[in-house]
């Protein structure tokens, strides 16, 4: 039988005025019909750091993540504020396609287009008005290098992306996202379908990318969160229970529910 935990007891850190924030949510709530899936999420994300969102299945972490670039718009009601560069991007008059240029997303399973490797990178660029061949070539190389994939595919850019391994496909999806030069990169369990060697390559890629991007990653793998993130938020039954530096989360959790999850008592 699961323990009952008080949602009045949370430990959510704040940042001082000197900390540059990429994104911030205030009282974010998500409803799937009458199901209140996310409660009063107040989180801030420092620039050029990796923040991991952890918690058991159904805890709300992916629901929260998808809200950050309005991916829940057609399936849920999202209230509260999502601050990005001083603008509440949860306002109905905000252009969601413009938001997604700045806040990119990589999903759980690799989902390359059934096109060439080259076209996977250029498709969105062309759709957004980038036509110059030299610029397209430069963006292809830069994004593939950023995703640590260039050396593996530079001689086969016109091959189908579907011919790549699972790990390569996921890094291609990362490259496709960063080709649009976002500020923030959201990743929803990007390694869950990958083997350990591919997982290491993706993690190494993310650690390098944080120099240029703010990264928010949902992961069910606590070892992964410990390896790559600077901040860690623990979700439980639709509530953010604890948000601390990752080292604190795993060595000295502040509240009992976090301690129980970290120790494997549930989840």
Protein backbone atom coordinates (compact mmCIF):
# COMPACT_ATOMS: atom_id res chain seq x y z
CA UNK A 1 0.00 0.00 0.00
CA UNK A 2 1.37 3.41 -0.99
CA UNK A 3 2.13 5.91 1.72
CA UNK A 4 0.11 9.10 1.81
CA UNK A 5 2.21 12.23 1.44
CA UNK A 6 1.33 15.80 2.21
CA UNK A 7 1.41 18.14 -0.76
CA UNK A 8 1.81 21.06 1.65
CA UNK A 9 5.38 19.98 2.27
CA UNK A 10 7.50 20.85 -0.75
CA UNK A 11 11.05 22.09 -1.24
CA UNK A 12 11.22 24.20 -4.38
CA UNK A 13 14.26 26.43 -4.80
CA UNK A 14 14.19 29.98 -6.08
CA UNK A 15 16.95 31.90 -7.81
CA UNK A 16 18.27 35.35 -7.00
CA UNK A 17 18.04 38.32 -9.35
CA UNK A 18 21.59 37.75 -10.60
CA UNK A 19 20.70 34.34 -12.07
CA UNK A 20 19.83 34.51 -15.77
CA UNK A 21 16.68 32.49 -16.40
CA UNK A 22 15.68 31.03 -19.74
CA UNK A 23 12.14 30.06 -18.79
CA UNK A 24 9.85 30.27 -15.77
CA UNK A 25 6.37 28.99 -14.92
CA UNK A 26 3.97 30.43 -12.37
CA UNK A 27 0.99 28.44 -11.04
CA UNK A 28 0.98 26.26 -14.16
CA UNK A 29 -1.92 23.83 -14.11
CA UNK A 30 -3.02 21.27 -16.69
CA UNK A 31 -6.44 19.65 -17.01
CA UNK A 32 -7.35 16.74 -19.26
CA UNK A 33 -11.08 17.24 -19.15
CA UNK A 34 -11.93 16.95 -15.46
CA UNK A 35 -8.61 15.29 -14.62
CA UNK A 36 -6.36 17.79 -12.85
CA UNK A 37 -3.04 16.44 -14.10
CA UNK A 38 -0.64 19.23 -13.07
CA UNK A 39 -1.01 21.41 -9.99
CA UNK A 40 0.50 24.87 -9.40
CA UNK A 41 3.91 24.23 -10.97
CA UNK A 42 6.29 27.06 -10.08
CA UNK A 43 9.69 26.37 -11.62
CA UNK A 44 12.49 28.50 -13.04
CA UNK A 45 15.22 27.25 -15.37
CA UNK A 46 18.71 28.83 -15.37
CA UNK A 47 20.27 29.51 -18.75
CA UNK A 48 22.87 27.12 -20.14
CA UNK A 49 22.21 24.39 -17.63
CA UNK A 50 20.59 20.97 -17.85
CA UNK A 51 17.55 20.50 -15.63
CA UNK A 52 16.17 16.98 -15.16
CA UNK A 53 12.53 16.26 -14.37
CA UNK A 54 12.14 12.93 -12.55
CA UNK A 55 9.28 11.00 -11.00
CA UNK A 56 7.22 7.84 -11.40
CA UNK A 57 5.11 7.18 -14.51
CA UNK A 58 2.02 9.37 -14.43
CA UNK A 59 3.60 11.93 -12.10
CA UNK A 60 3.08 14.81 -14.54
CA UNK A 61 6.62 15.43 -15.73
CA UNK A 62 5.94 14.89 -19.46
CA UNK A 63 2.66 16.80 -19.19
CA UNK A 64 4.58 19.71 -17.71
CA UNK A 65 7.36 19.53 -20.29
CA UNK A 66 4.93 19.51 -23.23
CA UNK A 67 3.26 22.62 -21.85
CA UNK A 68 6.47 24.63 -22.12
CA UNK A 69 6.15 25.00 -25.90
CA UNK A 70 2.38 24.67 -26.06
CA UNK A 71 2.32 21.03 -27.23
CA UNK A 72 -0.68 20.38 -24.97
CA UNK A 73 -2.89 23.00 -26.59
CA UNK A 74 -5.12 20.62 -28.54
CA UNK A 75 -5.50 17.96 -25.86
CA UNK A 76 -5.60 19.81 -22.55
CA UNK A 77 -6.47 23.05 -20.81
CA UNK A 78 -3.36 24.81 -19.50
CA UNK A 79 -3.63 27.75 -17.11
CA UNK A 80 -0.99 29.85 -15.39
CA UNK A 81 1.97 31.71 -16.83
CA UNK A 82 4.96 30.57 -18.86
CA UNK A 83 7.51 33.38 -18.96
CA UNK A 84 10.00 33.51 -21.83
CA UNK A 85 12.00 36.70 -22.42
CA UNK A 86 9.46 38.67 -20.42
CA UNK A 87 6.47 37.39 -22.42
CA UNK A 88 3.80 35.06 -21.08
CA UNK A 89 3.76 32.57 -23.95
CA UNK A 90 0.65 30.89 -22.55
CA UNK A 91 -1.43 33.85 -23.71
CA UNK A 92 -3.86 32.87 -26.50
CA UNK A 93 -2.65 35.56 -28.91
CA UNK A 94 0.95 34.29 -28.95
CA UNK A 95 2.13 32.63 -32.17
CA UNK A 96 2.82 29.03 -31.13
CA UNK A 97 4.86 28.29 -34.25
CA UNK A 98 7.18 31.16 -33.40
CA UNK A 99 7.43 29.80 -29.84
CA UNK A 100 8.52 26.41 -31.15
CA UNK A 101 11.28 28.03 -33.18
CA UNK A 102 12.78 29.22 -29.89
CA UNK A 103 11.77 26.30 -27.67
CA UNK A 104 12.52 23.09 -29.55
CA UNK A 105 11.47 19.58 -28.61
CA UNK A 106 12.84 16.05 -29.04
CA UNK A 107 10.50 13.18 -28.29
CA UNK A 108 10.86 9.83 -26.57
CA UNK A 109 11.27 7.74 -29.70
CA UNK A 110 13.37 8.93 -32.63
CA UNK A 111 11.03 10.32 -35.28
CA UNK A 112 13.09 11.33 -38.31
CA UNK A 113 11.20 12.24 -41.46
CA UNK A 114 11.15 9.58 -44.18
CA UNK A 115 13.53 11.75 -46.15
CA UNK A 116 17.27 12.05 -46.57
CA UNK A 117 19.50 13.10 -43.69
CA UNK A 118 20.04 16.40 -45.50
CA UNK A 119 16.31 17.02 -45.95
CA UNK A 120 15.62 16.27 -42.29
CA UNK A 121 17.75 19.27 -41.40
CA UNK A 122 16.66 21.62 -44.20
CA UNK A 123 12.91 20.95 -44.23
CA UNK A 124 12.00 23.36 -41.41
CA UNK A 125 14.68 25.83 -42.47
CA UNK A 126 13.22 26.07 -45.97
CA UNK A 127 9.72 26.36 -44.54
CA UNK A 128 10.96 29.34 -42.51
CA UNK A 129 12.42 31.12 -45.51
CA UNK A 130 16.04 29.95 -45.57
CA UNK A 131 16.72 29.33 -49.28
CA UNK A 132 20.39 30.20 -49.80
CA UNK A 133 22.29 27.00 -50.59
CA UNK A 134 25.47 28.12 -48.87
CA UNK A 135 23.62 29.02 -45.70
CA UNK A 136 21.71 25.73 -45.79
CA UNK A 137 24.95 23.78 -46.15
CA UNK A 138 26.48 25.67 -43.24
CA UNK A 139 23.42 25.05 -41.05
CA UNK A 140 23.45 21.34 -41.93
CA UNK A 141 27.08 20.94 -40.91
CA UNK A 142 26.77 23.11 -37.80
CA UNK A 143 23.70 21.29 -36.46
CA UNK A 144 25.07 17.83 -37.21
CA UNK A 145 28.35 18.75 -35.52
CA UNK A 146 26.37 20.09 -32.57
CA UNK A 147 24.62 16.75 -32.27
CA UNK A 148 27.95 14.87 -32.59
CA UNK A 149 26.77 13.22 -35.80
CA UNK A 150 28.65 15.01 -38.58
CA UNK A 151 31.65 12.69 -38.74
CA UNK A 152 29.37 9.67 -38.97
CA UNK A 153 27.11 10.92 -41.78
CA UNK A 154 28.97 13.66 -43.69
CA UNK A 155 29.57 11.33 -46.65
CA UNK A 156 26.01 10.00 -46.75
CA UNK A 157 23.78 13.06 -46.38
CA UNK A 158 21.53 11.94 -49.21
CA UNK A 159 20.81 8.55 -47.68
CA UNK A 160 17.50 7.95 -45.95
CA UNK A 161 17.46 8.99 -42.31
CA UNK A 162 15.61 5.74 -41.64
CA UNK A 163 18.79 3.82 -42.49
CA UNK A 164 20.51 5.22 -39.39
CA UNK A 165 20.73 3.34 -36.10
CA UNK A 166 18.33 4.27 -33.31
CA UNK A 167 20.96 6.32 -31.52
CA UNK A 168 21.95 8.11 -34.71
CA UNK A 169 18.30 8.83 -35.48
CA UNK A 170 17.83 10.41 -32.05
CA UNK A 171 20.91 12.58 -32.52
CA UNK A 172 19.57 13.54 -35.97
CA UNK A 173 16.35 14.64 -34.28
CA UNK A 174 18.43 16.75 -31.89
CA UNK A 175 20.30 18.21 -34.88
CA UNK A 176 17.00 18.93 -36.64
CA UNK A 177 15.81 20.83 -33.60
CA UNK A 178 18.98 22.87 -33.05
CA UNK A 179 19.16 23.74 -36.77
CA UNK A 180 16.40 26.26 -35.99
CA UNK A 181 18.73 27.87 -33.39
CA UNK A 182 16.38 27.63 -30.39
CA UNK A 183 17.24 29.03 -26.97
CA UNK A 184 15.69 26.12 -25.09
CA UNK A 185 15.70 22.42 -25.91
CA UNK A 186 13.08 20.14 -24.37
CA UNK A 187 13.69 16.38 -24.36
CA UNK A 188 11.10 13.81 -23.30
CA UNK A 189 12.94 10.62 -22.25
CA UNK A 190 15.19 10.78 -25.33
CA UNK A 191 17.22 7.70 -24.37
CA UNK A 192 14.45 5.34 -23.25
CA UNK A 193 14.52 3.41 -26.55
CA UNK A 194 18.30 3.40 -26.92
CA UNK A 195 21.02 0.92 -26.00
CA UNK A 196 23.65 1.92 -23.39
CA UNK A 197 26.31 2.92 -25.93
CA UNK A 198 23.89 5.17 -27.84
CA UNK A 199 22.69 6.61 -24.53
CA UNK A 200 26.24 7.62 -23.61
CA UNK A 201 26.65 9.39 -26.96
CA UNK A 202 23.40 11.31 -26.51
CA UNK A 203 24.39 12.28 -22.95
CA UNK A 204 27.80 13.49 -24.13
CA UNK A 205 26.03 15.49 -26.84
CA UNK A 206 23.72 17.14 -24.30
CA UNK A 207 26.59 18.03 -21.97
CA UNK A 208 28.30 19.80 -24.86
CA UNK A 209 25.10 21.48 -26.08
CA UNK A 210 24.39 23.10 -22.70
CA UNK A 211 27.16 25.59 -23.50
CA UNK A 212 24.78 27.09 -26.08
CA UNK A 213 21.31 25.98 -25.03
CA UNK A 214 19.17 25.63 -21.95
CA UNK A 215 18.13 21.98 -21.73
CA UNK A 216 15.16 20.52 -19.85
CA UNK A 217 14.98 16.74 -19.93
CA UNK A 218 12.39 14.29 -18.64
CA UNK A 219 14.07 11.04 -17.67
CA UNK A 220 12.97 7.88 -15.88
CA UNK A 221 16.64 7.04 -15.39
CA UNK A 222 17.85 8.54 -12.12
CA UNK A 223 21.46 7.65 -12.92
CA UNK A 224 21.14 9.70 -16.09
CA UNK A 225 19.73 12.65 -14.17
CA UNK A 226 22.63 12.40 -11.72
CA UNK A 227 25.19 12.22 -14.53
CA UNK A 228 24.14 15.15 -16.68
CA UNK A 229 21.89 17.61 -14.84
CA UNK A 230 22.71 20.60 -12.65
CA UNK A 231 19.18 20.98 -11.28
CA UNK A 232 16.60 18.30 -10.62
CA UNK A 233 12.84 18.54 -10.06
CA UNK A 234 10.89 15.65 -8.56
CA UNK A 235 7.25 15.25 -9.59
CA UNK A 236 4.65 13.20 -7.69
CA UNK A 237 0.97 12.79 -8.62
CA UNK A 238 0.91 16.02 -10.58
CA UNK A 239 2.79 18.11 -8.01
CA UNK A 240 6.34 19.45 -8.03
CA UNK A 241 7.50 18.16 -4.67
CA UNK A 242 11.15 19.12 -4.68
CA UNK A 243 13.46 21.18 -6.87
CA UNK A 244 17.09 21.42 -5.84
CA UNK A 245 20.62 21.15 -7.20
CA UNK A 246 21.01 17.58 -8.45
CA UNK A 247 23.69 16.72 -5.91
CA UNK A 248 21.35 17.71 -3.09
CA UNK A 249 18.46 15.78 -4.59
CA UNK A 250 20.38 12.51 -4.59
CA UNK A 251 22.51 12.92 -1.47
CA UNK A 252 20.21 14.83 0.85
CA UNK A 253 16.57 14.98 -0.30
CA UNK A 254 14.61 17.50 1.71
CA UNK A 255 11.23 15.77 2.13
CA UNK A 256 10.14 12.17 2.82
CA UNK A 257 8.43 11.49 -0.52
CA UNK A 258 11.62 12.35 -2.41
CA UNK A 259 13.67 10.18 -0.10
CA UNK A 260 11.32 7.26 -0.66
CA UNK A 261 11.42 7.65 -4.46
CA UNK A 262 15.21 8.00 -4.60
CA UNK A 263 15.62 4.93 -2.37
CA UNK A 264 13.32 2.87 -4.60
CA UNK A 265 10.37 2.53 -2.20
CA UNK A 266 8.02 3.26 -5.10
CA UNK A 267 8.04 4.26 -8.76
